[in-house]
């Protein structure tokens, strides 16, 4: 019988954990980028470049026609920037990712229905980015008003066929669907903002002080900010990135490549030129 190759040893068990461990080690070495519509966060040696893009003054004008154009233009410009890097013959090993992975849309706490402006904005943006609606300044509503307002918003979204994150179409298996259904029941999250800490039961907490007491931002009994935080950072961060890359960016990429009838890419087709309004959505 011929001897086997010298130094060759076969193991009887190859576990899928080995693949997962390799992915984990690679991520810990290279880090990743996550953009919500620049702070470098480092936890346990893993760097996350978190970019938060604020859009103050949206919808505050007397005439709000096409007020969403600058936001749509910005999101598409990030797709374009990534695409231009991606199609290079000699490209960077790791393409800088400035694409917007999630858009947190703050709904005014009117207690009624969504405004036409809110509906039109979310309808347009949900086609190009993951939209997560939240109720701003939720402490101005009673618990009963908040629950009723949520139901009205959910009904408005269904009536106008606006698909916010997490989208039902992208549930991958029964386990994902069960988790996302629980989240969808809570959306929009009712949040309260604060920038000061207060002493509560011997410990410092972030919250807003009122004459009735202190509203704790990170207390689920007072505010749903912890649910929003978990969704964006803990439980669905990778899913937000995956849907952005595989759905929204891919849709943009296909459209742009179809528009290009010559080698290379031309101007930002589908984006408004200076002084023009966007009409591609």
C-alpha atoms as a PDB file:
ATOM      1  CA  UNK A   1       0.000   0.000   0.000  1.00  0.00           C
ATOM      2  CA  UNK A   2       1.473   3.358  -1.011  1.00  0.00           C
ATOM      3  CA  UNK A   3       2.240   5.704   1.884  1.00  0.00           C
ATOM      4  CA  UNK A   4       0.166   8.880   2.177  1.00  0.00           C
ATOM      5  CA  UNK A   5       1.573  12.373   1.685  1.00  0.00           C
ATOM      6  CA  UNK A   6       4.084  13.341   4.353  1.00  0.00           C
ATOM      7  CA  UNK A   7       2.773  15.935   6.814  1.00  0.00           C
ATOM      8  CA  UNK A   8      -0.861  15.578   5.690  1.00  0.00           C
ATOM      9  CA  UNK A   9      -3.302  15.109   8.535  1.00  0.00           C
ATOM     10  CA  UNK A  10      -7.088  14.981   8.171  1.00  0.00           C
ATOM     11  CA  UNK A  11      -9.427  16.000  10.964  1.00  0.00           C
ATOM     12  CA  UNK A  12     -12.709  14.219  11.431  1.00  0.00           C
ATOM     13  CA  UNK A  13     -14.804  17.315  12.246  1.00  0.00           C
ATOM     14  CA  UNK A  14     -15.063  20.624  10.440  1.00  0.00           C
ATOM     15  CA  UNK A  15     -17.528  22.977  12.152  1.00  0.00           C
ATOM     16  CA  UNK A  16     -19.300  26.004  10.711  1.00  0.00           C
ATOM     17  CA  UNK A  17     -18.062  27.894  13.781  1.00  0.00           C
ATOM     18  CA  UNK A  18     -14.652  28.022  12.112  1.00  0.00           C
ATOM     19  CA  UNK A  19     -16.085  30.138   9.288  1.00  0.00           C
ATOM     20  CA  UNK A  20     -17.884  32.420  11.731  1.00  0.00           C
ATOM     21  CA  UNK A  21     -14.712  32.809  13.790  1.00  0.00           C
ATOM     22  CA  UNK A  22     -12.791  33.800  10.658  1.00  0.00           C
ATOM     23  CA  UNK A  23     -15.403  36.442   9.822  1.00  0.00           C
ATOM     24  CA  UNK A  24     -15.290  37.771  13.383  1.00  0.00           C
ATOM     25  CA  UNK A  25     -11.481  37.962  13.412  1.00  0.00           C
ATOM     26  CA  UNK A  26     -11.445  39.752  10.044  1.00  0.00           C
ATOM     27  CA  UNK A  27     -14.015  42.316  11.197  1.00  0.00           C
ATOM     28  CA  UNK A  28     -12.108  42.942  14.426  1.00  0.00           C
ATOM     29  CA  UNK A  29      -8.977  43.641  12.383  1.00  0.00           C
ATOM     30  CA  UNK A  30     -10.461  45.811   9.647  1.00  0.00           C
ATOM     31  CA  UNK A  31     -13.407  47.433  11.449  1.00  0.00           C
ATOM     32  CA  UNK A  32     -16.477  48.627   9.541  1.00  0.00           C
ATOM     33  CA  UNK A  33     -18.398  51.746   8.614  1.00  0.00           C
ATOM     34  CA  UNK A  34     -22.003  52.538   9.469  1.00  0.00           C
ATOM     35  CA  UNK A  35     -23.707  55.762   8.455  1.00  0.00           C
ATOM     36  CA  UNK A  36     -26.904  57.205   9.843  1.00  0.00           C
ATOM     37  CA  UNK A  37     -28.213  60.024   7.628  1.00  0.00           C
ATOM     38  CA  UNK A  38     -18.017  61.672  12.650  1.00  0.00           C
ATOM     39  CA  UNK A  39     -17.493  59.919  15.540  1.00  0.00           C
ATOM     40  CA  UNK A  40     -15.119  56.970  15.804  1.00  0.00           C
ATOM     41  CA  UNK A  41     -16.411  54.513  18.380  1.00  0.00           C
ATOM     42  CA  UNK A  42     -14.149  51.764  19.642  1.00  0.00           C
ATOM     43  CA  UNK A  43     -15.495  48.860  21.670  1.00  0.00           C
ATOM     44  CA  UNK A  44     -13.338  45.877  22.652  1.00  0.00           C
ATOM     45  CA  UNK A  45     -10.761  46.851  20.051  1.00  0.00           C
ATOM     46  CA  UNK A  46     -13.219  46.996  17.124  1.00  0.00           C
ATOM     47  CA  UNK A  47     -13.529  50.391  15.454  1.00  0.00           C
ATOM     48  CA  UNK A  48     -16.828  51.635  14.083  1.00  0.00           C
ATOM     49  CA  UNK A  49     -16.862  54.882  12.166  1.00  0.00           C
ATOM     50  CA  UNK A  50     -20.333  56.234  12.892  1.00  0.00           C
ATOM     51  CA  UNK A  51     -21.408  59.157  10.734  1.00  0.00           C
ATOM     52  CA  UNK A  52     -24.535  61.078  11.735  1.00  0.00           C
ATOM     53  CA  UNK A  53     -25.841  63.550   9.158  1.00  0.00           C
ATOM     54  CA  UNK A  54     -28.279  66.098  10.561  1.00  0.00           C
ATOM     55  CA  UNK A  55     -30.820  67.904   8.360  1.00  0.00           C
ATOM     56  CA  UNK A  56     -32.090  70.863  10.429  1.00  0.00           C
ATOM     57  CA  UNK A  57     -34.890  73.003   9.043  1.00  0.00           C
ATOM     58  CA  UNK A  58     -36.448  70.309   6.851  1.00  0.00           C
ATOM     59  CA  UNK A  59     -40.072  71.203   6.108  1.00  0.00           C
ATOM     60  CA  UNK A  60     -39.952  74.521   7.987  1.00  0.00           C
ATOM     61  CA  UNK A  61     -40.399  76.740   4.938  1.00  0.00           C
ATOM     62  CA  UNK A  62     -43.653  78.341   3.826  1.00  0.00           C
ATOM     63  CA  UNK A  63     -43.295  76.606   0.461  1.00  0.00           C
ATOM     64  CA  UNK A  64     -42.050  73.047   0.976  1.00  0.00           C
ATOM     65  CA  UNK A  65     -42.262  71.952  -2.658  1.00  0.00           C
ATOM     66  CA  UNK A  66     -39.399  69.556  -3.404  1.00  0.00           C
ATOM     67  CA  UNK A  67     -37.844  70.224   0.004  1.00  0.00           C
ATOM     68  CA  UNK A  68     -36.646  66.609   0.036  1.00  0.00           C
ATOM     69  CA  UNK A  69     -34.443  67.127  -3.046  1.00  0.00           C
ATOM     70  CA  UNK A  70     -31.238  68.057  -1.142  1.00  0.00           C
ATOM     71  CA  UNK A  71     -31.587  64.955   1.048  1.00  0.00           C
ATOM     72  CA  UNK A  72     -32.252  62.650  -1.911  1.00  0.00           C
ATOM     73  CA  UNK A  73     -29.360  64.255  -3.771  1.00  0.00           C
ATOM     74  CA  UNK A  74     -27.013  63.681  -0.831  1.00  0.00           C
ATOM     75  CA  UNK A  75     -27.978  60.001  -0.499  1.00  0.00           C
ATOM     76  CA  UNK A  76     -27.545  59.384  -4.225  1.00  0.00           C
ATOM     77  CA  UNK A  77     -24.217  61.211  -4.246  1.00  0.00           C
ATOM     78  CA  UNK A  78     -22.894  58.728  -1.691  1.00  0.00           C
ATOM     79  CA  UNK A  79     -24.026  55.844  -3.918  1.00  0.00           C
ATOM     80  CA  UNK A  80     -22.339  57.536  -6.866  1.00  0.00           C
ATOM     81  CA  UNK A  81     -19.110  58.011  -4.950  1.00  0.00           C
ATOM     82  CA  UNK A  82     -19.048  54.330  -4.010  1.00  0.00           C
ATOM     83  CA  UNK A  83     -19.893  53.270  -7.572  1.00  0.00           C
ATOM     84  CA  UNK A  84     -17.091  55.340  -9.091  1.00  0.00           C
ATOM     85  CA  UNK A  85     -14.609  53.647  -6.768  1.00  0.00           C
ATOM     86  CA  UNK A  86     -16.083  50.215  -7.416  1.00  0.00           C
ATOM     87  CA  UNK A  87     -15.761  50.330 -11.223  1.00  0.00           C
ATOM     88  CA  UNK A  88     -12.100  51.382 -11.245  1.00  0.00           C
ATOM     89  CA  UNK A  89      -9.764  48.809 -12.772  1.00  0.00           C
ATOM     90  CA  UNK A  90      -7.260  49.511 -10.009  1.00  0.00           C
ATOM     91  CA  UNK A  91      -9.311  50.203  -6.926  1.00  0.00           C
ATOM     92  CA  UNK A  92      -8.730  50.401  -3.217  1.00  0.00           C
ATOM     93  CA  UNK A  93      -8.732  47.158  -1.305  1.00  0.00           C
ATOM     94  CA  UNK A  94     -11.309  48.630   1.065  1.00  0.00           C
ATOM     95  CA  UNK A  95     -13.608  51.204  -0.521  1.00  0.00           C
ATOM     96  CA  UNK A  96     -14.534  54.000   1.914  1.00  0.00           C
ATOM     97  CA  UNK A  97     -18.237  53.578   2.577  1.00  0.00           C
ATOM     98  CA  UNK A  98     -20.124  56.848   2.989  1.00  0.00           C
ATOM     99  CA  UNK A  99     -23.469  55.392   1.893  1.00  0.00           C
ATOM    100  CA  UNK A 100     -26.383  56.180   4.204  1.00  0.00           C
ATOM    101  CA  UNK A 101     -27.454  52.939   5.872  1.00  0.00           C
ATOM    102  CA  UNK A 102     -30.405  54.358   7.776  1.00  0.00           C
ATOM    103  CA  UNK A 103     -32.525  57.510   7.863  1.00  0.00           C
ATOM    104  CA  UNK A 104     -34.157  58.250  11.223  1.00  0.00           C
ATOM    105  CA  UNK A 105     -37.233  60.343  10.420  1.00  0.00           C
ATOM    106  CA  UNK A 106     -38.628  62.387  13.318  1.00  0.00           C
ATOM    107  CA  UNK A 107     -42.406  62.742  13.253  1.00  0.00           C
ATOM    108  CA  UNK A 108     -43.796  65.810  15.085  1.00  0.00           C
ATOM    109  CA  UNK A 109     -45.910  64.773  18.119  1.00  0.00           C
ATOM    110  CA  UNK A 110     -49.202  66.158  16.793  1.00  0.00           C
ATOM    111  CA  UNK A 111     -51.231  63.209  18.070  1.00  0.00           C
ATOM    112  CA  UNK A 112     -53.251  63.184  14.848  1.00  0.00           C
ATOM    113  CA  UNK A 113     -52.320  61.714  11.445  1.00  0.00           C
ATOM    114  CA  UNK A 114     -49.134  62.041   9.446  1.00  0.00           C
ATOM    115  CA  UNK A 115     -48.816  65.293   7.542  1.00  0.00           C
ATOM    116  CA  UNK A 116     -48.862  65.120   3.713  1.00  0.00           C
ATOM    117  CA  UNK A 117     -45.249  66.310   3.844  1.00  0.00           C
ATOM    118  CA  UNK A 118     -44.268  63.383   6.086  1.00  0.00           C
ATOM    119  CA  UNK A 119     -46.032  60.886   3.847  1.00  0.00           C
ATOM    120  CA  UNK A 120     -44.463  62.214   0.647  1.00  0.00           C
ATOM    121  CA  UNK A 121     -41.004  62.398   2.181  1.00  0.00           C
ATOM    122  CA  UNK A 122     -41.079  58.836   3.516  1.00  0.00           C
ATOM    123  CA  UNK A 123     -42.616  57.533   0.290  1.00  0.00           C
ATOM    124  CA  UNK A 124     -39.732  58.947  -1.729  1.00  0.00           C
ATOM    125  CA  UNK A 125     -36.937  58.075   0.661  1.00  0.00           C
ATOM    126  CA  UNK A 126     -38.099  54.535   1.395  1.00  0.00           C
ATOM    127  CA  UNK A 127     -37.203  53.718  -2.224  1.00  0.00           C
ATOM    128  CA  UNK A 128     -33.533  54.605  -1.768  1.00  0.00           C
ATOM    129  CA  UNK A 129     -32.717  54.204   1.937  1.00  0.00           C
ATOM    130  CA  UNK A 130     -33.850  52.383   5.085  1.00  0.00           C
ATOM    131  CA  UNK A 131     -36.300  54.746   6.798  1.00  0.00           C
ATOM    132  CA  UNK A 132     -36.905  54.397  10.546  1.00  0.00           C
ATOM    133  CA  UNK A 133     -39.709  56.718  11.735  1.00  0.00           C
ATOM    134  CA  UNK A 134     -39.739  57.877  15.356  1.00  0.00           C
ATOM    135  CA  UNK A 135     -42.053  60.163  17.314  1.00  0.00           C
ATOM    136  CA  UNK A 136     -40.068  63.167  18.532  1.00  0.00           C
ATOM    137  CA  UNK A 137     -40.653  64.834  21.929  1.00  0.00           C
ATOM    138  CA  UNK A 138     -42.914  61.972  22.962  1.00  0.00           C
ATOM    139  CA  UNK A 139     -43.111  63.340  26.519  1.00  0.00           C
ATOM    140  CA  UNK A 140     -45.647  65.891  25.238  1.00  0.00           C
ATOM    141  CA  UNK A 141     -48.146  63.033  24.758  1.00  0.00           C
ATOM    142  CA  UNK A 142     -49.900  60.951  27.394  1.00  0.00           C
ATOM    143  CA  UNK A 143     -49.445  57.184  27.198  1.00  0.00           C
ATOM    144  CA  UNK A 144     -52.944  56.844  25.726  1.00  0.00           C
ATOM    145  CA  UNK A 145     -52.314  59.592  23.155  1.00  0.00           C
ATOM    146  CA  UNK A 146     -48.995  58.002  22.237  1.00  0.00           C
ATOM    147  CA  UNK A 147     -50.575  54.584  21.645  1.00  0.00           C
ATOM    148  CA  UNK A 148     -53.354  56.075  19.496  1.00  0.00           C
ATOM    149  CA  UNK A 149     -50.861  58.194  17.538  1.00  0.00           C
ATOM    150  CA  UNK A 150     -48.758  55.120  16.806  1.00  0.00           C
ATOM    151  CA  UNK A 151     -51.794  53.256  15.486  1.00  0.00           C
ATOM    152  CA  UNK A 152     -52.703  56.170  13.210  1.00  0.00           C
ATOM    153  CA  UNK A 153     -49.164  56.375  11.855  1.00  0.00           C
ATOM    154  CA  UNK A 154     -49.057  52.628  11.191  1.00  0.00           C
ATOM    155  CA  UNK A 155     -52.414  52.854   9.423  1.00  0.00           C
ATOM    156  CA  UNK A 156     -51.194  55.812   7.351  1.00  0.00           C
ATOM    157  CA  UNK A 157     -48.089  53.901   6.284  1.00  0.00           C
ATOM    158  CA  UNK A 158     -50.157  50.863   5.261  1.00  0.00           C
ATOM    159  CA  UNK A 159     -52.732  52.955   3.398  1.00  0.00           C
ATOM    160  CA  UNK A 160     -50.054  54.748   1.381  1.00  0.00           C
ATOM    161  CA  UNK A 161     -47.958  51.583   0.857  1.00  0.00           C
ATOM    162  CA  UNK A 162     -44.878  53.095   2.483  1.00  0.00           C
ATOM    163  CA  UNK A 163     -42.397  50.404   3.457  1.00  0.00           C
ATOM    164  CA  UNK A 164     -40.290  51.508   6.418  1.00  0.00           C
ATOM    165  CA  UNK A 165     -37.533  49.514   8.077  1.00  0.00           C
ATOM    166  CA  UNK A 166     -37.596  46.605   8.841  1.00  0.00           C
ATOM    167  CA  UNK A 167     -39.334  45.824   5.540  1.00  0.00           C
ATOM    168  CA  UNK A 168     -41.536  42.726   5.461  1.00  0.00           C
ATOM    169  CA  UNK A 169     -40.273  41.805   1.980  1.00  0.00           C
ATOM    170  CA  UNK A 170     -36.770  41.205   3.321  1.00  0.00           C
ATOM    171  CA  UNK A 171     -37.571  38.849   6.212  1.00  0.00           C
ATOM    172  CA  UNK A 172     -35.329  35.870   5.506  1.00  0.00           C
ATOM    173  CA  UNK A 173     -36.821  33.143   7.692  1.00  0.00           C
ATOM    174  CA  UNK A 174     -39.575  32.558  10.305  1.00  0.00           C
ATOM    175  CA  UNK A 175     -37.231  33.543  13.139  1.00  0.00           C
ATOM    176  CA  UNK A 176     -36.391  36.871  11.471  1.00  0.00           C
ATOM    177  CA  UNK A 177     -40.053  37.452  10.695  1.00  0.00           C
ATOM    178  CA  UNK A 178     -41.079  36.864  14.314  1.00  0.00           C
ATOM    179  CA  UNK A 179     -38.431  39.299  15.596  1.00  0.00           C
ATOM    180  CA  UNK A 180     -39.213  41.944  12.984  1.00  0.00           C
ATOM    181  CA  UNK A 181     -42.954  41.647  13.578  1.00  0.00           C
ATOM    182  CA  UNK A 182     -42.378  42.539  17.231  1.00  0.00           C
ATOM    183  CA  UNK A 183     -40.351  45.545  16.129  1.00  0.00           C
ATOM    184  CA  UNK A 184     -42.934  46.597  13.531  1.00  0.00           C
ATOM    185  CA  UNK A 185     -45.597  46.601  16.234  1.00  0.00           C
ATOM    186  CA  UNK A 186     -43.542  49.186  18.147  1.00  0.00           C
ATOM    187  CA  UNK A 187     -42.688  51.443  15.210  1.00  0.00           C
ATOM    188  CA  UNK A 188     -42.623  54.397  15.256  1.00  0.00           C
ATOM    189  CA  UNK A 189     -40.561  54.456  18.449  1.00  0.00           C
ATOM    190  CA  UNK A 190     -41.567  57.228  20.845  1.00  0.00           C
ATOM    191  CA  UNK A 191     -38.380  58.959  21.983  1.00  0.00           C
ATOM    192  CA  UNK A 192     -37.393  61.768  24.319  1.00  0.00           C
ATOM    193  CA  UNK A 193     -34.150  63.693  23.986  1.00  0.00           C
ATOM    194  CA  UNK A 194     -31.972  65.062  26.781  1.00  0.00           C
ATOM    195  CA  UNK A 195     -28.409  66.307  27.193  1.00  0.00           C
ATOM    196  CA  UNK A 196     -28.172  66.507  30.992  1.00  0.00           C
ATOM    197  CA  UNK A 197     -27.713  63.920  33.731  1.00  0.00           C
ATOM    198  CA  UNK A 198     -29.683  63.827  36.979  1.00  0.00           C
ATOM    199  CA  UNK A 199     -29.398  61.947  40.248  1.00  0.00           C
ATOM    200  CA  UNK A 200     -32.012  59.168  40.538  1.00  0.00           C
ATOM    201  CA  UNK A 201     -31.889  56.580  43.336  1.00  0.00           C
ATOM    202  CA  UNK A 202     -28.217  57.185  43.941  1.00  0.00           C
ATOM    203  CA  UNK A 203     -27.050  57.014  40.325  1.00  0.00           C
ATOM    204  CA  UNK A 204     -26.599  59.440  37.447  1.00  0.00           C
ATOM    205  CA  UNK A 205     -29.068  59.051  34.597  1.00  0.00           C
ATOM    206  CA  UNK A 206     -29.567  60.901  31.333  1.00  0.00           C
ATOM    207  CA  UNK A 207     -32.981  62.500  31.334  1.00  0.00           C
ATOM    208  CA  UNK A 208     -35.275  65.481  31.239  1.00  0.00           C
ATOM    209  CA  UNK A 209     -36.436  67.071  34.482  1.00  0.00           C
ATOM    210  CA  UNK A 210     -40.059  68.212  34.724  1.00  0.00           C
ATOM    211  CA  UNK A 211     -42.237  69.322  37.615  1.00  0.00           C
ATOM    212  CA  UNK A 212     -43.701  65.802  37.689  1.00  0.00           C
ATOM    213  CA  UNK A 213     -40.348  64.079  37.894  1.00  0.00           C
ATOM    214  CA  UNK A 214     -37.460  62.984  35.691  1.00  0.00           C
ATOM    215  CA  UNK A 215     -38.007  61.312  32.327  1.00  0.00           C
ATOM    216  CA  UNK A 216     -35.144  58.853  31.910  1.00  0.00           C
ATOM    217  CA  UNK A 217     -34.018  58.554  28.296  1.00  0.00           C
ATOM    218  CA  UNK A 218     -32.598  55.049  28.743  1.00  0.00           C
ATOM    219  CA  UNK A 219     -35.475  53.705  30.841  1.00  0.00           C
ATOM    220  CA  UNK A 220     -37.828  51.635  28.606  1.00  0.00           C
ATOM    221  CA  UNK A 221     -40.703  52.441  30.971  1.00  0.00           C
ATOM    222  CA  UNK A 222     -40.287  56.156  30.180  1.00  0.00           C
ATOM    223  CA  UNK A 223     -38.938  56.248  26.632  1.00  0.00           C
ATOM    224  CA  UNK A 224     -38.391  53.932  23.658  1.00  0.00           C
ATOM    225  CA  UNK A 225     -34.940  55.236  22.861  1.00  0.00           C
ATOM    226  CA  UNK A 226     -33.373  51.936  24.078  1.00  0.00           C
ATOM    227  CA  UNK A 227     -35.458  50.111  21.435  1.00  0.00           C
ATOM    228  CA  UNK A 228     -34.197  52.467  18.727  1.00  0.00           C
ATOM    229  CA  UNK A 229     -30.646  52.069  19.997  1.00  0.00           C
ATOM    230  CA  UNK A 230     -30.900  48.276  19.961  1.00  0.00           C
ATOM    231  CA  UNK A 231     -32.344  48.280  16.441  1.00  0.00           C
ATOM    232  CA  UNK A 232     -29.669  50.519  14.937  1.00  0.00           C
ATOM    233  CA  UNK A 233     -26.585  49.316  16.780  1.00  0.00           C
ATOM    234  CA  UNK A 234     -27.161  45.964  18.422  1.00  0.00           C
ATOM    235  CA  UNK A 235     -29.627  43.701  16.619  1.00  0.00           C
ATOM    236  CA  UNK A 236     -29.988  45.047  13.056  1.00  0.00           C
ATOM    237  CA  UNK A 237     -26.791  46.933  12.239  1.00  0.00           C
ATOM    238  CA  UNK A 238     -25.526  44.328   9.781  1.00  0.00           C
ATOM    239  CA  UNK A 239     -28.983  43.923   8.254  1.00  0.00           C
ATOM    240  CA  UNK A 240     -29.174  47.676   7.616  1.00  0.00           C
ATOM    241  CA  UNK A 241     -25.808  47.500   5.865  1.00  0.00           C
ATOM    242  CA  UNK A 242     -26.813  44.412   3.857  1.00  0.00           C
ATOM    243  CA  UNK A 243     -30.101  45.884   2.623  1.00  0.00           C
ATOM    244  CA  UNK A 244     -28.358  49.132   1.731  1.00  0.00           C
ATOM    245  CA  UNK A 245     -25.748  47.278  -0.335  1.00  0.00           C
ATOM    246  CA  UNK A 246     -27.864  44.496  -1.846  1.00  0.00           C
ATOM    247  CA  UNK A 247     -31.104  46.400  -2.467  1.00  0.00           C
ATOM    248  CA  UNK A 248     -30.837  50.198  -2.451  1.00  0.00           C
ATOM    249  CA  UNK A 249     -27.293  50.556  -3.770  1.00  0.00           C
ATOM    250  CA  UNK A 250     -27.742  47.713  -6.258  1.00  0.00           C
ATOM    251  CA  UNK A 251     -30.871  49.388  -7.635  1.00  0.00           C
ATOM    252  CA  UNK A 252     -28.946  52.645  -8.039  1.00  0.00           C
ATOM    253  CA  UNK A 253     -25.955  50.861  -9.600  1.00  0.00           C
ATOM    254  CA  UNK A 254     -28.075  49.056 -12.198  1.00  0.00           C
ATOM    255  CA  UNK A 255     -29.886  52.260 -13.136  1.00  0.00           C
ATOM    256  CA  UNK A 256     -26.659  54.225 -13.498  1.00  0.00           C
ATOM    257  CA  UNK A 257     -24.927  51.564 -15.575  1.00  0.00           C
ATOM    258  CA  UNK A 258     -27.962  51.354 -17.849  1.00  0.00           C
ATOM    259  CA  UNK A 259     -27.802  55.122 -18.294  1.00  0.00           C
ATOM    260  CA  UNK A 260     -24.148  54.992 -19.328  1.00  0.00           C
ATOM    261  CA  UNK A 261     -23.966  54.421 -23.079  1.00  0.00           C
ATOM    262  CA  UNK A 262     -20.234  55.091 -23.250  1.00  0.00           C
ATOM    263  CA  UNK A 263     -17.187  53.866 -21.326  1.00  0.00           C
ATOM    264  CA  UNK A 264     -17.009  55.322 -17.864  1.00  0.00           C
ATOM    265  CA  UNK A 265     -19.731  57.198 -16.069  1.00  0.00           C
ATOM    266  CA  UNK A 266     -21.080  60.550 -17.060  1.00  0.00           C
ATOM    267  CA  UNK A 267     -22.676  63.213 -14.841  1.00  0.00           C
ATOM    268  CA  UNK A 268     -24.889  62.275 -11.932  1.00  0.00           C
ATOM    269  CA  UNK A 269     -27.837  61.284 -14.099  1.00  0.00           C
ATOM    270  CA  UNK A 270     -31.119  61.348 -12.249  1.00  0.00           C
ATOM    271  CA  UNK A 271     -29.860  64.000  -9.845  1.00  0.00           C
ATOM    272  CA  UNK A 272     -30.944  67.610 -10.133  1.00  0.00           C
ATOM    273  CA  UNK A 273     -28.484  70.031 -11.632  1.00  0.00           C
ATOM    274  CA  UNK A 274     -28.006  73.395  -9.973  1.00  0.00           C
ATOM    275  CA  UNK A 275     -31.244  75.322  -9.937  1.00  0.00           C
ATOM    276  CA  UNK A 276     -33.275  72.327 -11.082  1.00  0.00           C
ATOM    277  CA  UNK A 277     -35.705  70.147  -9.182  1.00  0.00           C
ATOM    278  CA  UNK A 278     -35.434  66.380  -8.962  1.00  0.00           C
ATOM    279  CA  UNK A 279     -38.159  64.423 -10.721  1.00  0.00           C
ATOM    280  CA  UNK A 280     -36.613  60.954 -10.987  1.00  0.00           C
ATOM    281  CA  UNK A 281     -38.487  59.502  -8.023  1.00  0.00           C
END
